[in-house]
Amino acid sequence: METTKAIVFAGKDRVSLADVPRPHRGPGDAVIRITTTTICGTDIHIIRGEYPVRPDLVLGHEPVRTIEELGIGLDGL
């Protein structure tokens, strides 16, 4: 199984760097390579334990990215 690195929620007031499964494209999907990211207010609330989420949730949804792979139906991006 191919993996990639991600910052994940590890419990209240804790995050960790983890190997997570590398996503693969399907029809209508794009796989992107994250070059830089940051956290937002929602991530802060998650880290503080104010929003219930599952352990190992990948954080940081404000990325700078490039397209790695395109699925069927996404030509021209």
PDB file of N, CA and C in Angstrom:
ATOM      1  N   MET A   1       0.843  -1.177   0.000  1.00  0.00           N
ATOM      2  CA  MET A   1       0.000   0.000   0.000  1.00  0.00           C
ATOM      3  C   MET A   1       0.890   1.242   0.000  1.00  0.00           C
ATOM      4  N   GLU A   2       0.617   2.149  -0.918  1.00  0.00           N
ATOM      5  CA  GLU A   2       1.328   3.421  -0.949  1.00  0.00           C
ATOM      6  C   GLU A   2       0.783   4.336   0.133  1.00  0.00           C
ATOM      7  N   THR A   3       1.676   5.122   0.743  1.00  0.00           N
ATOM      8  CA  THR A   3       1.253   6.061   1.770  1.00  0.00           C
ATOM      9  C   THR A   3       1.781   7.451   1.467  1.00  0.00           C
ATOM     10  N   THR A   4       1.234   8.412   2.179  1.00  0.00           N
ATOM     11  CA  THR A   4       1.684   9.786   2.126  1.00  0.00           C
ATOM     12  C   THR A   4       1.656  10.330   3.542  1.00  0.00           C
ATOM     13  N   LYS A   5       2.329  11.428   3.790  1.00  0.00           N
ATOM     14  CA  LYS A   5       2.361  12.028   5.126  1.00  0.00           C
ATOM     15  C   LYS A   5       1.193  12.995   5.295  1.00  0.00           C
ATOM     16  N   ALA A   6       0.658  13.053   6.517  1.00  0.00           N
ATOM     17  CA  ALA A   6      -0.422  13.982   6.823  1.00  0.00           C
ATOM     18  C   ALA A   6      -0.391  14.335   8.306  1.00  0.00           C
ATOM     19  N   ILE A   7      -0.864  15.517   8.626  1.00  0.00           N
ATOM     20  CA  ILE A   7      -1.067  15.911  10.015  1.00  0.00           C
ATOM     21  C   ILE A   7      -2.453  15.441  10.414  1.00  0.00           C
ATOM     22  N   VAL A   8      -2.536  14.672  11.482  1.00  0.00           N
ATOM     23  CA  VAL A   8      -3.819  14.100  11.896  1.00  0.00           C
ATOM     24  C   VAL A   8      -4.143  14.482  13.336  1.00  0.00           C
ATOM     25  N   PHE A   9      -5.431  14.532  13.637  1.00  0.00           N
ATOM     26  CA  PHE A   9      -5.926  14.769  14.982  1.00  0.00           C
ATOM     27  C   PHE A   9      -5.602  13.541  15.827  1.00  0.00           C
ATOM     28  N   ALA A  10      -4.900  13.762  16.938  1.00  0.00           N
ATOM     29  CA  ALA A  10      -4.474  12.641  17.782  1.00  0.00           C
ATOM     30  C   ALA A  10      -5.133  12.680  19.158  1.00  0.00           C
ATOM     31  N   GLY A  11      -6.117  13.531  19.334  1.00  0.00           N
ATOM     32  CA  GLY A  11      -6.785  13.684  20.620  1.00  0.00           C
ATOM     33  C   GLY A  11      -6.769  15.134  21.039  1.00  0.00           C
ATOM     34  N   LYS A  12      -7.557  15.459  22.029  1.00  0.00           N
ATOM     35  CA  LYS A  12      -7.667  16.856  22.476  1.00  0.00           C
ATOM     36  C   LYS A  12      -6.278  17.458  22.701  1.00  0.00           C
ATOM     37  N   ASP A  13      -6.046  18.589  22.042  1.00  0.00           N
ATOM     38  CA  ASP A  13      -4.790  19.341  22.135  1.00  0.00           C
ATOM     39  C   ASP A  13      -3.574  18.589  21.587  1.00  0.00           C
ATOM     40  N   ARG A  14      -3.802  17.598  20.702  1.00  0.00           N
ATOM     41  CA  ARG A  14      -2.691  16.830  20.150  1.00  0.00           C
ATOM     42  C   ARG A  14      -2.895  16.576  18.656  1.00  0.00           C
ATOM     43  N   VAL A  15      -1.830  16.761  17.893  1.00  0.00           N
ATOM     44  CA  VAL A  15      -1.789  16.362  16.484  1.00  0.00           C
ATOM     45  C   VAL A  15      -0.523  15.549  16.284  1.00  0.00           C
ATOM     46  N   SER A  16      -0.480  14.785  15.207  1.00  0.00           N
ATOM     47  CA  SER A  16       0.735  14.025  14.913  1.00  0.00           C
ATOM     48  C   SER A  16       0.932  13.931  13.405  1.00  0.00           C
ATOM     49  N   LEU A  17       2.163  13.677  13.012  1.00  0.00           N
ATOM     50  CA  LEU A  17       2.492  13.423  11.617  1.00  0.00           C
ATOM     51  C   LEU A  17       2.367  11.922  11.411  1.00  0.00           C
ATOM     52  N   ALA A  18       1.560  11.516  10.433  1.00  0.00           N
ATOM     53  CA  ALA A  18       1.281  10.093  10.240  1.00  0.00           C
ATOM     54  C   ALA A  18       1.365   9.712   8.772  1.00  0.00           C
ATOM     55  N   ASP A  19       1.650   8.442   8.527  1.00  0.00           N
ATOM     56  CA  ASP A  19       1.540   7.881   7.185  1.00  0.00           C
ATOM     57  C   ASP A  19       0.084   7.461   6.992  1.00  0.00           C
ATOM     58  N   VAL A  20      -0.541   7.969   5.938  1.00  0.00           N
ATOM     59  CA  VAL A  20      -1.927   7.617   5.624  1.00  0.00           C
ATOM     60  C   VAL A  20      -1.970   7.035   4.220  1.00  0.00           C
ATOM     61  N   PRO A  21      -2.988   6.239   3.893  1.00  0.00           N
ATOM     62  CA  PRO A  21      -3.068   5.673   2.545  1.00  0.00           C
ATOM     63  C   PRO A  21      -3.109   6.769   1.479  1.00  0.00           C
ATOM     64  N   ARG A  22      -2.325   6.595   0.419  1.00  0.00           N
ATOM     65  CA  ARG A  22      -2.347   7.537  -0.695  1.00  0.00           C
ATOM     66  C   ARG A  22      -3.643   7.342  -1.465  1.00  0.00           C
ATOM     67  N   PRO A  23      -4.363   8.438  -1.721  1.00  0.00           N
ATOM     68  CA  PRO A  23      -5.603   8.299  -2.488  1.00  0.00           C
ATOM     69  C   PRO A  23      -5.323   7.970  -3.951  1.00  0.00           C
ATOM     70  N   HIS A  24      -6.261   7.308  -4.577  1.00  0.00           N
ATOM     71  CA  HIS A  24      -6.184   7.000  -6.001  1.00  0.00           C
ATOM     72  C   HIS A  24      -7.448   7.519  -6.673  1.00  0.00           C
ATOM     73  N   ARG A  25      -7.320   7.928  -7.899  1.00  0.00           N
ATOM     74  CA  ARG A  25      -8.438   8.545  -8.600  1.00  0.00           C
ATOM     75  C   ARG A  25      -9.477   7.511  -9.008  1.00  0.00           C
ATOM     76  N   GLY A  26     -10.695   7.992  -9.091  1.00  0.00           N
ATOM     77  CA  GLY A  26     -11.810   7.246  -9.645  1.00  0.00           C
ATOM     78  C   GLY A  26     -12.512   8.155 -10.638  1.00  0.00           C
ATOM     79  N   PRO A  27     -13.563   7.693 -11.271  1.00  0.00           N
ATOM     80  CA  PRO A  27     -14.292   8.565 -12.200  1.00  0.00           C
ATOM     81  C   PRO A  27     -14.752   9.834 -11.490  1.00  0.00           C
ATOM     82  N   GLY A  28     -14.475  10.970 -12.089  1.00  0.00           N
ATOM     83  CA  GLY A  28     -14.883  12.245 -11.519  1.00  0.00           C
ATOM     84  C   GLY A  28     -14.022  12.740 -10.371  1.00  0.00           C
ATOM     85  N   ASP A  29     -12.912  12.059 -10.086  1.00  0.00           N
ATOM     86  CA  ASP A  29     -12.014  12.448  -8.997  1.00  0.00           C
ATOM     87  C   ASP A  29     -10.730  13.049  -9.554  1.00  0.00           C
ATOM     88  N   ALA A  30     -10.098  13.862  -8.743  1.00  0.00           N
ATOM     89  CA  ALA A  30      -8.756  14.355  -9.028  1.00  0.00           C
ATOM     90  C   ALA A  30      -7.899  14.066  -7.804  1.00  0.00           C
ATOM     91  N   VAL A  31      -6.678  13.608  -8.021  1.00  0.00           N
ATOM     92  CA  VAL A  31      -5.715  13.453  -6.938  1.00  0.00           C
ATOM     93  C   VAL A  31      -4.795  14.656  -7.017  1.00  0.00           C
ATOM     94  N   ILE A  32      -4.632  15.331  -5.890  1.00  0.00           N
ATOM     95  CA  ILE A  32      -3.806  16.537  -5.881  1.00  0.00           C
ATOM     96  C   ILE A  32      -2.584  16.326  -4.992  1.00  0.00           C
ATOM     97  N   ARG A  33      -1.503  17.024  -5.328  1.00  0.00           N
ATOM     98  CA  ARG A  33      -0.294  17.019  -4.493  1.00  0.00           C
ATOM     99  C   ARG A  33      -0.293  18.337  -3.730  1.00  0.00           C
ATOM    100  N   ILE A  34      -0.293  18.225  -2.409  1.00  0.00           N
ATOM    101  CA  ILE A  34      -0.269  19.403  -1.548  1.00  0.00           C
ATOM    102  C   ILE A  34       1.175  19.865  -1.422  1.00  0.00           C
ATOM    103  N   THR A  35       1.434  21.138  -1.720  1.00  0.00           N
ATOM    104  CA  THR A  35       2.784  21.672  -1.575  1.00  0.00           C
ATOM    105  C   THR A  35       2.916  22.504  -0.308  1.00  0.00           C
ATOM    106  N   THR A  36       1.842  23.131   0.113  1.00  0.00           N
ATOM    107  CA  THR A  36       1.798  23.936   1.338  1.00  0.00           C
ATOM    108  C   THR A  36       0.362  23.937   1.831  1.00  0.00           C
ATOM    109  N   THR A  37       0.185  23.970   3.124  1.00  0.00           N
ATOM    110  CA  THR A  37      -1.167  24.092   3.659  1.00  0.00           C
ATOM    111  C   THR A  37      -1.118  24.827   4.982  1.00  0.00           C
ATOM    112  N   THR A  38      -2.261  25.216   5.440  1.00  0.00           N
ATOM    113  CA  THR A  38      -2.382  25.850   6.747  1.00  0.00           C
ATOM    114  C   THR A  38      -3.661  25.349   7.391  1.00  0.00           C
ATOM    115  N   ILE A  39      -3.840  25.680   8.624  1.00  0.00           N
ATOM    116  CA  ILE A  39      -5.066  25.308   9.304  1.00  0.00           C
ATOM    117  C   ILE A  39      -5.989  26.510   9.359  1.00  0.00           C
ATOM    118  N   CYS A  40      -7.249  26.277   9.644  1.00  0.00           N
ATOM    119  CA  CYS A  40      -8.207  27.369   9.759  1.00  0.00           C
ATOM    120  C   CYS A  40      -8.883  27.283  11.119  1.00  0.00           C
ATOM    121  N   GLY A  41      -9.842  28.153  11.347  1.00  0.00           N
ATOM    122  CA  GLY A  41     -10.552  28.180  12.617  1.00  0.00           C
ATOM    123  C   GLY A  41     -11.203  26.857  12.969  1.00  0.00           C
ATOM    124  N   THR A  42     -11.747  26.164  11.976  1.00  0.00           N
ATOM    125  CA  THR A  42     -12.375  24.867  12.234  1.00  0.00           C
ATOM    126  C   THR A  42     -11.355  23.888  12.798  1.00  0.00           C
ATOM    127  N   ASP A  43     -10.151  23.865  12.220  1.00  0.00           N
ATOM    128  CA  ASP A  43      -9.105  22.964  12.718  1.00  0.00           C
ATOM    129  C   ASP A  43      -8.750  23.285  14.172  1.00  0.00           C
ATOM    130  N   ILE A  44      -8.683  24.557  14.519  1.00  0.00           N
ATOM    131  CA  ILE A  44      -8.385  24.959  15.901  1.00  0.00           C
ATOM    132  C   ILE A  44      -9.452  24.407  16.845  1.00  0.00           C
ATOM    133  N   HIS A  45     -10.730  24.542  16.456  1.00  0.00           N
ATOM    134  CA  HIS A  45     -11.819  24.013  17.291  1.00  0.00           C
ATOM    135  C   HIS A  45     -11.704  22.493  17.434  1.00  0.00           C
ATOM    136  N   ILE A  46     -11.334  21.807  16.344  1.00  0.00           N
ATOM    137  CA  ILE A  46     -11.163  20.349  16.406  1.00  0.00           C
ATOM    138  C   ILE A  46     -10.044  20.000  17.384  1.00  0.00           C
ATOM    139  N   ILE A  47      -8.896  20.663  17.249  1.00  0.00           N
ATOM    140  CA  ILE A  47      -7.747  20.385  18.113  1.00  0.00           C
ATOM    141  C   ILE A  47      -8.094  20.634  19.578  1.00  0.00           C
ATOM    142  N   ARG A  48      -8.863  21.673  19.854  1.00  0.00           N
ATOM    143  CA  ARG A  48      -9.249  21.992  21.237  1.00  0.00           C
ATOM    144  C   ARG A  48     -10.304  21.035  21.785  1.00  0.00           C
ATOM    145  N   GLY A  49     -10.808  20.139  20.938  1.00  0.00           N
ATOM    146  CA  GLY A  49     -11.815  19.190  21.387  1.00  0.00           C
ATOM    147  C   GLY A  49     -13.222  19.745  21.389  1.00  0.00           C
ATOM    148  N   GLU A  50     -13.440  20.871  20.692  1.00  0.00           N
ATOM    149  CA  GLU A  50     -14.747  21.535  20.684  1.00  0.00           C
ATOM    150  C   GLU A  50     -15.693  20.944  19.642  1.00  0.00           C
ATOM    151  N   TYR A  51     -15.165  20.235  18.654  1.00  0.00           N
ATOM    152  CA  TYR A  51     -15.978  19.541  17.652  1.00  0.00           C
ATOM    153  C   TYR A  51     -15.646  18.055  17.752  1.00  0.00           C
ATOM    154  N   PRO A  52     -16.649  17.211  17.898  1.00  0.00           N
ATOM    155  CA  PRO A  52     -16.345  15.778  17.975  1.00  0.00           C
ATOM    156  C   PRO A  52     -15.976  15.226  16.596  1.00  0.00           C
ATOM    157  N   VAL A  53     -14.776  14.700  16.487  1.00  0.00           N
ATOM    158  CA  VAL A  53     -14.317  14.067  15.244  1.00  0.00           C
ATOM    159  C   VAL A  53     -13.622  12.765  15.592  1.00  0.00           C
ATOM    160  N   ARG A  54     -13.466  11.927  14.597  1.00  0.00           N
ATOM    161  CA  ARG A  54     -12.798  10.648  14.815  1.00  0.00           C
ATOM    162  C   ARG A  54     -11.286  10.863  14.938  1.00  0.00           C
ATOM    163  N   PRO A  55     -10.618  10.042  15.735  1.00  0.00           N
ATOM    164  CA  PRO A  55      -9.153  10.106  15.784  1.00  0.00           C
ATOM    165  C   PRO A  55      -8.581   9.851  14.383  1.00  0.00           C
ATOM    166  N   ASP A  56      -7.442  10.418  14.107  1.00  0.00           N
ATOM    167  CA  ASP A  56      -6.724  10.286  12.830  1.00  0.00           C
ATOM    168  C   ASP A  56      -7.354  11.061  11.687  1.00  0.00           C
ATOM    169  N   LEU A  57      -8.291  11.969  11.980  1.00  0.00           N
ATOM    170  CA  LEU A  57      -8.829  12.847  10.945  1.00  0.00           C
ATOM    171  C   LEU A  57      -7.698  13.704  10.402  1.00  0.00           C
ATOM    172  N   VAL A  58      -7.525  13.752   9.075  1.00  0.00           N
ATOM    173  CA  VAL A  58      -6.489  14.576   8.458  1.00  0.00           C
ATOM    174  C   VAL A  58      -6.922  16.037   8.546  1.00  0.00           C
ATOM    175  N   LEU A  59      -6.044  16.885   9.080  1.00  0.00           N
ATOM    176  CA  LEU A  59      -6.324  18.310   9.237  1.00  0.00           C
ATOM    177  C   LEU A  59      -5.645  19.111   8.131  1.00  0.00           C
ATOM    178  N   GLY A  60      -6.036  20.369   8.006  1.00  0.00           N
ATOM    179  CA  GLY A  60      -5.411  21.277   7.050  1.00  0.00           C
ATOM    180  C   GLY A  60      -6.098  21.243   5.705  1.00  0.00           C
ATOM    181  N   HIS A  61      -7.194  21.959   5.562  1.00  0.00           N
ATOM    182  CA  HIS A  61      -7.939  21.935   4.298  1.00  0.00           C
ATOM    183  C   HIS A  61      -7.858  23.270   3.564  1.00  0.00           C
ATOM    184  N   GLU A  62      -6.746  23.982   3.749  1.00  0.00           N
ATOM    185  CA  GLU A  62      -6.491  25.242   3.054  1.00  0.00           C
ATOM    186  C   GLU A  62      -5.213  25.093   2.233  1.00  0.00           C
ATOM    187  N   PRO A  63      -5.213  24.182   1.226  1.00  0.00           N
ATOM    188  CA  PRO A  63      -3.948  23.848   0.574  1.00  0.00           C
ATOM    189  C   PRO A  63      -3.599  24.697  -0.658  1.00  0.00           C
ATOM    190  N   VAL A  64      -2.292  24.732  -0.934  1.00  0.00           N
ATOM    191  CA  VAL A  64      -1.762  25.117  -2.234  1.00  0.00           C
ATOM    192  C   VAL A  64      -1.416  23.790  -2.885  1.00  0.00           C
ATOM    193  N   ARG A  65      -1.881  23.570  -4.111  1.00  0.00           N
ATOM    194  CA  ARG A  65      -1.757  22.228  -4.673  1.00  0.00           C
ATOM    195  C   ARG A  65      -1.560  22.244  -6.182  1.00  0.00           C
ATOM    196  N   THR A  66      -1.143  21.082  -6.683  1.00  0.00           N
ATOM    197  CA  THR A  66      -1.088  20.832  -8.122  1.00  0.00           C
ATOM    198  C   THR A  66      -1.813  19.518  -8.387  1.00  0.00           C
ATOM    199  N   ILE A  67      -2.368  19.384  -9.566  1.00  0.00           N
ATOM    200  CA  ILE A  67      -3.093  18.164  -9.922  1.00  0.00           C
ATOM    201  C   ILE A  67      -2.093  17.078 -10.276  1.00  0.00           C
ATOM    202  N   GLU A  68      -2.203  15.924  -9.625  1.00  0.00           N
ATOM    203  CA  GLU A  68      -1.364  14.752  -9.889  1.00  0.00           C
ATOM    204  C   GLU A  68      -1.992  13.820 -10.902  1.00  0.00           C
ATOM    205  N   GLU A  69      -3.293  13.507 -10.705  1.00  0.00           N
ATOM    206  CA  GLU A  69      -4.004  12.560 -11.552  1.00  0.00           C
ATOM    207  C   GLU A  69      -5.440  13.041 -11.754  1.00  0.00           C
ATOM    208  N   LEU A  70      -5.963  12.812 -12.939  1.00  0.00           N
ATOM    209  CA  LEU A  70      -7.366  13.120 -13.238  1.00  0.00           C
ATOM    210  C   LEU A  70      -8.117  11.849 -13.559  1.00  0.00           C
ATOM    211  N   GLY A  71      -9.321  11.720 -13.008  1.00  0.00           N
ATOM    212  CA  GLY A  71     -10.176  10.588 -13.317  1.00  0.00           C
ATOM    213  C   GLY A  71     -10.965  10.840 -14.591  1.00  0.00           C
ATOM    214  N   ILE A  72     -11.623   9.810 -15.054  1.00  0.00           N
ATOM    215  CA  ILE A  72     -12.474   9.918 -16.242  1.00  0.00           C
ATOM    216  C   ILE A  72     -13.517  10.997 -16.034  1.00  0.00           C
ATOM    217  N   GLY A  73     -13.704  11.830 -17.045  1.00  0.00           N
ATOM    218  CA  GLY A  73     -14.697  12.899 -16.983  1.00  0.00           C
ATOM    219  C   GLY A  73     -14.147  14.225 -16.514  1.00  0.00           C
ATOM    220  N   LEU A  74     -12.850  14.310 -16.231  1.00  0.00           N
ATOM    221  CA  LEU A  74     -12.264  15.561 -15.761  1.00  0.00           C
ATOM    222  C   LEU A  74     -11.212  16.093 -16.730  1.00  0.00           C
ATOM    223  N   ASP A  75     -11.328  15.780 -17.993  1.00  0.00           N
ATOM    224  CA  ASP A  75     -10.374  16.284 -18.983  1.00  0.00           C
ATOM    225  C   ASP A  75     -10.433  17.812 -19.043  1.00  0.00           C
ATOM    226  N   GLY A  76      -9.308  18.424 -19.298  1.00  0.00           N
ATOM    227  CA  GLY A  76      -9.249  19.857 -19.508  1.00  0.00           C
ATOM    228  C   GLY A  76      -8.975  20.687 -18.275  1.00  0.00           C
ATOM    229  N   LEU A  77      -8.785  20.056 -17.130  1.00  0.00           N
ATOM    230  CA  LEU A  77      -8.455  20.841 -15.931  1.00  0.00           C
ATOM    231  C   LEU A  77      -6.978  21.153 -15.901  1.00  0.00           C
TER     232      LEU A  77
END
